[in-house]
Amino acid sequence: MIRLTEKGFSQLYHSMADYQIADALMQMFARSKYKVGEIIPMRNINMQFIPSLNPVEQDRFEHVANTLIDAGFITYEDGKSKPIPGLILQQRGYDYIYGHIIDIKSLF
């Protein structure tokens, strides 16, 4: 029996850096011309964005999203105060995607 090791697993995939995953997520807001306070439903994230990542990147997605939340780019809505769970664009995220005046790389 052959088993894939952690080192072998990481060698199988050319992975984006965390800041590149973060940028790709923020571009999801930009492509649809989102404004501050608008929400991308988690079902869209789970069905469109996450499958576009390789398994290594998928494993890091939660960390990347939490870093963006901690930095004030987005917030997470669990569906209790709004009708659907999702990620909500905040002013700092808006400034990033439409002006690129913030260096997202420095967050990671």
C-alpha atoms as a PDB file:
ATOM      1  CA  MET A   1       0.000   0.000   0.000  1.00  0.00           C
ATOM      2  CA  ILE A   2       1.257   3.471  -0.867  1.00  0.00           C
ATOM      3  CA  ARG A   3       0.299   6.468   1.259  1.00  0.00           C
ATOM      4  CA  LEU A   4       0.578  10.093   0.379  1.00  0.00           C
ATOM      5  CA  THR A   5       2.594  12.012   2.947  1.00  0.00           C
ATOM      6  CA  GLU A   6       2.083  15.645   3.907  1.00  0.00           C
ATOM      7  CA  LYS A   7       5.245  16.582   2.016  1.00  0.00           C
ATOM      8  CA  GLY A   8       4.086  14.660  -1.052  1.00  0.00           C
ATOM      9  CA  PHE A   9       0.647  16.253  -0.873  1.00  0.00           C
ATOM     10  CA  SER A  10       2.108  19.752  -0.846  1.00  0.00           C
ATOM     11  CA  GLN A  11       4.347  18.884  -3.809  1.00  0.00           C
ATOM     12  CA  LEU A  12       1.377  17.758  -5.937  1.00  0.00           C
ATOM     13  CA  TYR A  13      -0.159  21.192  -6.208  1.00  0.00           C
ATOM     14  CA  HIS A  14       1.255  24.542  -7.211  1.00  0.00           C
ATOM     15  CA  SER A  15      -0.550  26.733  -4.714  1.00  0.00           C
ATOM     16  CA  MET A  16      -1.258  30.405  -4.565  1.00  0.00           C
ATOM     17  CA  ALA A  17       0.082  32.273  -1.568  1.00  0.00           C
ATOM     18  CA  ASP A  18      -2.474  33.266   1.067  1.00  0.00           C
ATOM     19  CA  TYR A  19      -2.518  36.867  -0.140  1.00  0.00           C
ATOM     20  CA  GLN A  20      -3.322  35.637  -3.662  1.00  0.00           C
ATOM     21  CA  ILE A  21      -6.243  33.572  -2.351  1.00  0.00           C
ATOM     22  CA  ALA A  22      -7.411  36.668  -0.453  1.00  0.00           C
ATOM     23  CA  ASP A  23      -7.145  38.791  -3.587  1.00  0.00           C
ATOM     24  CA  ALA A  24      -9.078  36.208  -5.606  1.00  0.00           C
ATOM     25  CA  LEU A  25     -11.848  36.251  -2.988  1.00  0.00           C
ATOM     26  CA  MET A  26     -11.962  40.046  -3.019  1.00  0.00           C
ATOM     27  CA  GLN A  27     -12.140  40.005  -6.825  1.00  0.00           C
ATOM     28  CA  MET A  28     -15.344  37.991  -6.490  1.00  0.00           C
ATOM     29  CA  PHE A  29     -16.873  41.145  -4.968  1.00  0.00           C
ATOM     30  CA  ALA A  30     -15.342  43.334  -7.695  1.00  0.00           C
ATOM     31  CA  ARG A  31     -16.603  41.224 -10.625  1.00  0.00           C
ATOM     32  CA  SER A  32     -20.174  41.726  -9.473  1.00  0.00           C
ATOM     33  CA  LYS A  33     -19.601  45.400  -8.606  1.00  0.00           C
ATOM     34  CA  TYR A  34     -20.507  44.985  -4.939  1.00  0.00           C
ATOM     35  CA  LYS A  35     -20.842  48.009  -2.680  1.00  0.00           C
ATOM     36  CA  VAL A  36     -20.174  48.320   1.048  1.00  0.00           C
ATOM     37  CA  GLY A  37     -22.684  46.270   3.030  1.00  0.00           C
ATOM     38  CA  GLU A  38     -23.620  43.895   0.210  1.00  0.00           C
ATOM     39  CA  ILE A  39     -23.358  40.166   0.846  1.00  0.00           C
ATOM     40  CA  ILE A  40     -22.018  37.244  -1.170  1.00  0.00           C
ATOM     41  CA  PRO A  41     -24.043  34.241   0.007  1.00  0.00           C
ATOM     42  CA  MET A  42     -21.987  31.374   1.442  1.00  0.00           C
ATOM     43  CA  ARG A  43     -23.647  29.049  -1.052  1.00  0.00           C
ATOM     44  CA  ASN A  44     -21.918  31.070  -3.820  1.00  0.00           C
ATOM     45  CA  ILE A  45     -18.598  30.878  -1.996  1.00  0.00           C
ATOM     46  CA  ASN A  46     -19.024  27.136  -1.458  1.00  0.00           C
ATOM     47  CA  MET A  47     -20.190  26.362  -4.988  1.00  0.00           C
ATOM     48  CA  GLN A  48     -18.154  28.826  -7.076  1.00  0.00           C
ATOM     49  CA  PHE A  49     -15.068  30.035  -5.252  1.00  0.00           C
ATOM     50  CA  ILE A  50     -13.884  27.140  -3.092  1.00  0.00           C
ATOM     51  CA  PRO A  51     -14.082  24.567  -5.923  1.00  0.00           C
ATOM     52  CA  SER A  52     -11.816  26.839  -7.998  1.00  0.00           C
ATOM     53  CA  LEU A  53      -9.059  26.317  -5.404  1.00  0.00           C
ATOM     54  CA  ASN A  54      -6.866  23.254  -5.282  1.00  0.00           C
ATOM     55  CA  PRO A  55      -7.031  21.060  -2.136  1.00  0.00           C
ATOM     56  CA  VAL A  56      -4.060  22.789  -0.487  1.00  0.00           C
ATOM     57  CA  GLU A  57      -5.649  26.206  -1.035  1.00  0.00           C
ATOM     58  CA  GLN A  58      -9.030  24.923   0.154  1.00  0.00           C
ATOM     59  CA  ASP A  59      -7.394  23.851   3.421  1.00  0.00           C
ATOM     60  CA  ARG A  60      -6.132  27.432   3.900  1.00  0.00           C
ATOM     61  CA  PHE A  61      -9.356  29.203   2.881  1.00  0.00           C
ATOM     62  CA  GLU A  62     -10.754  29.562   6.400  1.00  0.00           C
ATOM     63  CA  HIS A  63      -7.508  31.138   7.648  1.00  0.00           C
ATOM     64  CA  VAL A  64      -7.481  33.540   4.682  1.00  0.00           C
ATOM     65  CA  ALA A  65     -11.129  34.536   5.209  1.00  0.00           C
ATOM     66  CA  ASN A  66     -10.549  35.047   8.940  1.00  0.00           C
ATOM     67  CA  THR A  67      -7.525  37.242   8.197  1.00  0.00           C
ATOM     68  CA  LEU A  68      -9.665  39.401   5.890  1.00  0.00           C
ATOM     69  CA  ILE A  69     -12.345  39.591   8.590  1.00  0.00           C
ATOM     70  CA  ASP A  70      -9.790  40.567  11.262  1.00  0.00           C
ATOM     71  CA  ALA A  71      -8.369  43.240   8.926  1.00  0.00           C
ATOM     72  CA  GLY A  72     -11.815  44.747   8.304  1.00  0.00           C
ATOM     73  CA  PHE A  73     -12.121  43.884   4.600  1.00  0.00           C
ATOM     74  CA  ILE A  74     -15.206  41.695   5.073  1.00  0.00           C
ATOM     75  CA  THR A  75     -17.469  40.445   7.834  1.00  0.00           C
ATOM     76  CA  TYR A  76     -19.166  37.094   8.197  1.00  0.00           C
ATOM     77  CA  GLU A  77     -22.949  36.902   8.569  1.00  0.00           C
ATOM     78  CA  ASP A  78     -24.131  33.631  10.061  1.00  0.00           C
ATOM     79  CA  GLY A  79     -27.708  34.060   8.845  1.00  0.00           C
ATOM     80  CA  LYS A  80     -29.212  35.043  12.188  1.00  0.00           C
ATOM     81  CA  SER A  81     -29.580  38.787  11.620  1.00  0.00           C
ATOM     82  CA  LYS A  82     -29.814  38.659   7.812  1.00  0.00           C
ATOM     83  CA  PRO A  83     -31.833  36.180   5.765  1.00  0.00           C
ATOM     84  CA  ILE A  84     -28.796  34.293   4.449  1.00  0.00           C
ATOM     85  CA  PRO A  85     -25.284  33.500   5.674  1.00  0.00           C
ATOM     86  CA  GLY A  86     -22.458  35.074   3.706  1.00  0.00           C
ATOM     87  CA  LEU A  87     -19.545  37.459   3.476  1.00  0.00           C
ATOM     88  CA  ILE A  88     -20.282  41.187   3.619  1.00  0.00           C
ATOM     89  CA  LEU A  89     -18.037  43.749   1.961  1.00  0.00           C
ATOM     90  CA  GLN A  90     -16.742  46.422   4.337  1.00  0.00           C
ATOM     91  CA  GLN A  91     -15.293  49.854   3.525  1.00  0.00           C
ATOM     92  CA  ARG A  92     -11.683  48.686   3.737  1.00  0.00           C
ATOM     93  CA  GLY A  93     -12.426  45.846   1.295  1.00  0.00           C
ATOM     94  CA  TYR A  94     -14.220  48.259  -1.021  1.00  0.00           C
ATOM     95  CA  ASP A  95     -11.207  50.573  -0.967  1.00  0.00           C
ATOM     96  CA  TYR A  96      -8.964  47.615  -1.778  1.00  0.00           C
ATOM     97  CA  ILE A  97     -10.893  46.217  -4.728  1.00  0.00           C
ATOM     98  CA  TYR A  98     -11.726  49.509  -6.380  1.00  0.00           C
ATOM     99  CA  GLY A  99      -8.646  51.539  -5.538  1.00  0.00           C
ATOM    100  CA  HIS A 100      -5.968  49.031  -4.582  1.00  0.00           C
ATOM    101  CA  ILE A 101      -4.674  51.594  -2.108  1.00  0.00           C
ATOM    102  CA  ILE A 102      -4.172  48.862   0.501  1.00  0.00           C
ATOM    103  CA  ASP A 103      -1.404  46.260   0.301  1.00  0.00           C
ATOM    104  CA  ILE A 104      -3.183  42.983   1.014  1.00  0.00           C
ATOM    105  CA  LYS A 105       0.127  41.119   0.931  1.00  0.00           C
ATOM    106  CA  SER A 106       1.151  42.767   4.208  1.00  0.00           C
ATOM    107  CA  LEU A 107      -1.737  41.023   6.019  1.00  0.00           C
ATOM    108  CA  PHE A 108      -0.102  37.660   5.500  1.00  0.00           C
END
